[in-house]
Amino acid sequence: MTLSQPLASPPLCNLPGVWRADALGTASSQTQSTGYPVLDAQLPGGGWPVGAMCEVLQPWMSLHSWQLVLPGLAQLMARRAGLLVMVAPPCEPFSPALQAHGLAAHRLCLVRSTAAAPALWAAEQALRCRDVMAVMAWLPQVQPAALRRLQ
């Protein structure tokens, strides 16, 4: 059997969930405020994209990522049911401080891991769970292909 015309397939750039570099600066379908109006004004759509991965790139792991995401997570937790899963944080999260910022301790799930593969697996499983509203994962040794799989 021969085909006179090649099979048509949608261009990769039109597939759902595929981000194109020329889309930088355009809003995603839904965003969550960061809790910082100045930062929201700089981000496409006015906040963190919902249902997408955001990377906080730092020269070394520190507590600054918490300061960046706490207000948005607190707003999300106030509006939505579910757990916040923290995978392989570099330091033990201090529950009273998180509670003081609006993160209820009974809705936090901590996954400890010192190796990349189990941490990646835990993050992937948490992202698949309907009872999880957000996942924070510290994955410094993970390869870019694994991060794309999480996305």
C-alpha atoms as a PDB file:
ATOM      1  CA  MET A   1       0.000   0.000   0.000  1.00  0.00           C
ATOM      2  CA  THR A   2       1.337   3.409  -0.909  1.00  0.00           C
ATOM      3  CA  LEU A   3       0.214   6.779   0.212  1.00  0.00           C
ATOM      4  CA  SER A   4       0.062   9.621  -2.216  1.00  0.00           C
ATOM      5  CA  GLN A   5       0.158  12.208   0.544  1.00  0.00           C
ATOM      6  CA  PRO A   6       2.061  12.105   3.819  1.00  0.00           C
ATOM      7  CA  LEU A   7      -0.019  11.680   6.950  1.00  0.00           C
ATOM      8  CA  ALA A   8      -0.851  15.029   8.456  1.00  0.00           C
ATOM      9  CA  SER A   9       0.156  15.549  12.051  1.00  0.00           C
ATOM     10  CA  PRO A  10      -0.225  18.696  14.083  1.00  0.00           C
ATOM     11  CA  PRO A  11       2.919  20.768  14.356  1.00  0.00           C
ATOM     12  CA  LEU A  12       4.643  20.286  17.698  1.00  0.00           C
ATOM     13  CA  CYS A  13       4.227  23.970  18.492  1.00  0.00           C
ATOM     14  CA  ASN A  14       0.425  23.560  18.479  1.00  0.00           C
ATOM     15  CA  LEU A  15       0.271  20.660  20.921  1.00  0.00           C
ATOM     16  CA  PRO A  16      -1.283  21.400  24.328  1.00  0.00           C
ATOM     17  CA  GLY A  17       1.303  21.676  27.091  1.00  0.00           C
ATOM     18  CA  VAL A  18       4.189  22.494  24.734  1.00  0.00           C
ATOM     19  CA  TRP A  19       5.665  25.896  25.507  1.00  0.00           C
ATOM     20  CA  ARG A  20       7.238  27.850  22.686  1.00  0.00           C
ATOM     21  CA  ALA A  21      10.066  30.308  23.285  1.00  0.00           C
ATOM     22  CA  ASP A  22       8.256  32.976  21.284  1.00  0.00           C
ATOM     23  CA  ALA A  23       5.413  32.738  23.809  1.00  0.00           C
ATOM     24  CA  LEU A  24       7.516  34.402  26.511  1.00  0.00           C
ATOM     25  CA  GLY A  25       5.557  37.310  27.883  1.00  0.00           C
ATOM     26  CA  THR A  26       2.151  35.865  27.057  1.00  0.00           C
ATOM     27  CA  ALA A  27      -0.264  34.729  29.726  1.00  0.00           C
ATOM     28  CA  SER A  28      -1.002  31.089  30.406  1.00  0.00           C
ATOM     29  CA  SER A  29      -4.616  30.047  30.804  1.00  0.00           C
ATOM     30  CA  GLN A  30      -4.698  30.556  34.569  1.00  0.00           C
ATOM     31  CA  THR A  31      -2.368  32.152  37.082  1.00  0.00           C
ATOM     32  CA  GLN A  32      -2.024  32.360  40.853  1.00  0.00           C
ATOM     33  CA  SER A  33      -0.878  35.624  42.381  1.00  0.00           C
ATOM     34  CA  THR A  34       2.577  35.473  43.926  1.00  0.00           C
ATOM     35  CA  GLY A  35       1.405  37.710  46.755  1.00  0.00           C
ATOM     36  CA  TYR A  36       3.857  40.378  45.610  1.00  0.00           C
ATOM     37  CA  PRO A  37       2.126  42.945  43.351  1.00  0.00           C
ATOM     38  CA  VAL A  38       5.449  44.163  41.892  1.00  0.00           C
ATOM     39  CA  LEU A  39       6.412  40.590  40.926  1.00  0.00           C
ATOM     40  CA  ASP A  40       2.910  39.843  39.580  1.00  0.00           C
ATOM     41  CA  ALA A  41       3.228  42.871  37.284  1.00  0.00           C
ATOM     42  CA  GLN A  42       6.400  41.381  35.766  1.00  0.00           C
ATOM     43  CA  LEU A  43       5.143  37.823  35.265  1.00  0.00           C
ATOM     44  CA  PRO A  44       3.122  36.781  32.200  1.00  0.00           C
ATOM     45  CA  GLY A  45      -0.527  36.613  33.215  1.00  0.00           C
ATOM     46  CA  GLY A  46       0.111  38.340  36.523  1.00  0.00           C
ATOM     47  CA  GLY A  47       1.387  35.461  38.659  1.00  0.00           C
ATOM     48  CA  TRP A  48       2.576  31.871  38.837  1.00  0.00           C
ATOM     49  CA  PRO A  49       1.099  29.729  36.043  1.00  0.00           C
ATOM     50  CA  VAL A  50      -1.364  27.163  37.429  1.00  0.00           C
ATOM     51  CA  GLY A  51      -0.761  23.591  36.328  1.00  0.00           C
ATOM     52  CA  ALA A  52       2.773  24.321  35.178  1.00  0.00           C
ATOM     53  CA  MET A  53       6.227  23.980  36.599  1.00  0.00           C
ATOM     54  CA  CYS A  54       8.101  27.065  37.764  1.00  0.00           C
ATOM     55  CA  GLU A  55      11.808  26.863  38.443  1.00  0.00           C
ATOM     56  CA  VAL A  56      13.469  29.067  41.019  1.00  0.00           C
ATOM     57  CA  LEU A  57      17.084  29.104  39.918  1.00  0.00           C
ATOM     58  CA  GLN A  58      19.629  30.095  42.534  1.00  0.00           C
ATOM     59  CA  PRO A  59      23.406  29.644  42.763  1.00  0.00           C
ATOM     60  CA  TRP A  60      22.862  27.553  45.904  1.00  0.00           C
ATOM     61  CA  MET A  61      19.873  26.205  47.748  1.00  0.00           C
ATOM     62  CA  SER A  62      18.620  28.586  50.370  1.00  0.00           C
ATOM     63  CA  LEU A  63      15.584  29.759  52.250  1.00  0.00           C
ATOM     64  CA  HIS A  64      14.936  32.558  49.757  1.00  0.00           C
ATOM     65  CA  SER A  65      12.708  30.300  47.679  1.00  0.00           C
ATOM     66  CA  TRP A  66      10.318  30.082  50.644  1.00  0.00           C
ATOM     67  CA  GLN A  67      10.085  33.856  50.891  1.00  0.00           C
ATOM     68  CA  LEU A  68       9.260  33.978  47.213  1.00  0.00           C
ATOM     69  CA  VAL A  69       6.483  31.369  47.227  1.00  0.00           C
ATOM     70  CA  LEU A  70       4.929  31.588  50.718  1.00  0.00           C
ATOM     71  CA  PRO A  71       2.384  34.355  49.995  1.00  0.00           C
ATOM     72  CA  GLY A  72       1.091  32.637  46.864  1.00  0.00           C
ATOM     73  CA  LEU A  73       0.933  29.235  48.570  1.00  0.00           C
ATOM     74  CA  ALA A  74      -0.970  30.730  51.514  1.00  0.00           C
ATOM     75  CA  GLN A  75      -3.517  32.290  49.129  1.00  0.00           C
ATOM     76  CA  LEU A  76      -3.872  28.995  47.289  1.00  0.00           C
ATOM     77  CA  MET A  77      -4.287  27.032  50.526  1.00  0.00           C
ATOM     78  CA  ALA A  78      -7.004  29.438  51.693  1.00  0.00           C
ATOM     79  CA  ARG A  79      -8.976  28.918  48.463  1.00  0.00           C
ATOM     80  CA  ARG A  80      -8.422  25.265  47.655  1.00  0.00           C
ATOM     81  CA  ALA A  81      -8.450  21.897  49.379  1.00  0.00           C
ATOM     82  CA  GLY A  82      -5.473  19.613  49.148  1.00  0.00           C
ATOM     83  CA  LEU A  83      -1.949  19.058  50.377  1.00  0.00           C
ATOM     84  CA  LEU A  84       1.278  20.898  49.780  1.00  0.00           C
ATOM     85  CA  VAL A  85       3.965  18.293  49.166  1.00  0.00           C
ATOM     86  CA  MET A  86       7.557  19.303  49.823  1.00  0.00           C
ATOM     87  CA  VAL A  87      10.070  16.945  48.242  1.00  0.00           C
ATOM     88  CA  ALA A  88      13.685  16.882  49.452  1.00  0.00           C
ATOM     89  CA  PRO A  89      13.940  20.388  50.930  1.00  0.00           C
ATOM     90  CA  PRO A  90      17.541  21.355  51.754  1.00  0.00           C
ATOM     91  CA  CYS A  91      16.555  22.301  55.327  1.00  0.00           C
ATOM     92  CA  GLU A  92      13.864  20.948  57.605  1.00  0.00           C
ATOM     93  CA  PRO A  93      10.783  23.175  57.127  1.00  0.00           C
ATOM     94  CA  PHE A  94       9.877  24.915  60.388  1.00  0.00           C
ATOM     95  CA  SER A  95       6.191  24.195  60.814  1.00  0.00           C
ATOM     96  CA  PRO A  96       5.394  27.105  63.210  1.00  0.00           C
ATOM     97  CA  ALA A  97       6.874  29.594  60.724  1.00  0.00           C
ATOM     98  CA  LEU A  98       4.918  28.064  57.844  1.00  0.00           C
ATOM     99  CA  GLN A  99       1.736  28.189  59.939  1.00  0.00           C
ATOM    100  CA  ALA A 100       2.418  31.842  60.775  1.00  0.00           C
ATOM    101  CA  HIS A 101       2.425  32.525  57.016  1.00  0.00           C
ATOM    102  CA  GLY A 102      -0.901  30.727  56.484  1.00  0.00           C
ATOM    103  CA  LEU A 103       0.166  27.161  55.659  1.00  0.00           C
ATOM    104  CA  ALA A 104      -1.790  24.766  57.887  1.00  0.00           C
ATOM    105  CA  ALA A 105       0.488  22.059  59.292  1.00  0.00           C
ATOM    106  CA  HIS A 106      -2.064  19.274  58.759  1.00  0.00           C
ATOM    107  CA  ARG A 107      -2.000  20.039  55.013  1.00  0.00           C
ATOM    108  CA  LEU A 108       1.781  19.747  54.634  1.00  0.00           C
ATOM    109  CA  CYS A 109       3.477  16.562  53.505  1.00  0.00           C
ATOM    110  CA  LEU A 110       7.256  16.275  53.735  1.00  0.00           C
ATOM    111  CA  VAL A 111       9.182  13.738  51.637  1.00  0.00           C
ATOM    112  CA  ARG A 112      12.812  13.359  52.680  1.00  0.00           C
ATOM    113  CA  SER A 113      15.376  12.116  50.200  1.00  0.00           C
ATOM    114  CA  THR A 114      19.079  12.661  49.683  1.00  0.00           C
ATOM    115  CA  ALA A 115      19.192  10.961  46.286  1.00  0.00           C
ATOM    116  CA  ALA A 116      17.871  12.399  43.032  1.00  0.00           C
ATOM    117  CA  ALA A 117      16.016   9.341  41.695  1.00  0.00           C
ATOM    118  CA  PRO A 118      13.727   8.766  44.713  1.00  0.00           C
ATOM    119  CA  ALA A 119      13.048  12.502  45.031  1.00  0.00           C
ATOM    120  CA  LEU A 120      12.125  12.711  41.352  1.00  0.00           C
ATOM    121  CA  TRP A 121       9.849   9.675  41.710  1.00  0.00           C
ATOM    122  CA  ALA A 122       8.145  11.196  44.778  1.00  0.00           C
ATOM    123  CA  ALA A 123       7.590  14.502  42.978  1.00  0.00           C
ATOM    124  CA  GLU A 124       6.127  12.710  39.969  1.00  0.00           C
ATOM    125  CA  GLN A 125       3.736  10.674  42.138  1.00  0.00           C
ATOM    126  CA  ALA A 126       2.639  13.767  44.068  1.00  0.00           C
ATOM    127  CA  LEU A 127       1.893  15.614  40.823  1.00  0.00           C
ATOM    128  CA  ARG A 128      -0.375  12.744  39.749  1.00  0.00           C
ATOM    129  CA  CYS A 129      -2.385  12.801  42.979  1.00  0.00           C
ATOM    130  CA  ARG A 130      -5.705  14.673  42.915  1.00  0.00           C
ATOM    131  CA  ASP A 131      -5.438  15.476  46.624  1.00  0.00           C
ATOM    132  CA  VAL A 132      -2.274  17.521  46.090  1.00  0.00           C
ATOM    133  CA  MET A 133      -2.732  21.231  45.391  1.00  0.00           C
ATOM    134  CA  ALA A 134       0.972  22.057  44.935  1.00  0.00           C
ATOM    135  CA  VAL A 135       4.391  20.409  44.915  1.00  0.00           C
ATOM    136  CA  MET A 136       7.634  22.075  45.886  1.00  0.00           C
ATOM    137  CA  ALA A 137      10.634  19.968  44.956  1.00  0.00           C
ATOM    138  CA  TRP A 138      14.321  20.635  45.446  1.00  0.00           C
ATOM    139  CA  LEU A 139      15.972  18.626  42.675  1.00  0.00           C
ATOM    140  CA  PRO A 140      19.441  20.094  42.040  1.00  0.00           C
ATOM    141  CA  GLN A 141      20.959  16.892  40.623  1.00  0.00           C
ATOM    142  CA  VAL A 142      18.093  16.050  38.261  1.00  0.00           C
ATOM    143  CA  GLN A 143      18.740  16.147  34.530  1.00  0.00           C
ATOM    144  CA  PRO A 144      16.752  18.576  32.329  1.00  0.00           C
ATOM    145  CA  ALA A 145      14.955  15.684  30.589  1.00  0.00           C
ATOM    146  CA  ALA A 146      13.565  14.560  33.959  1.00  0.00           C
ATOM    147  CA  LEU A 147      12.334  18.082  34.673  1.00  0.00           C
ATOM    148  CA  ARG A 148      10.562  18.131  31.303  1.00  0.00           C
ATOM    149  CA  ARG A 149       8.854  14.892  32.281  1.00  0.00           C
ATOM    150  CA  LEU A 150       7.576  16.552  35.464  1.00  0.00           C
ATOM    151  CA  GLN A 151       6.159  19.391  33.394  1.00  0.00           C
END
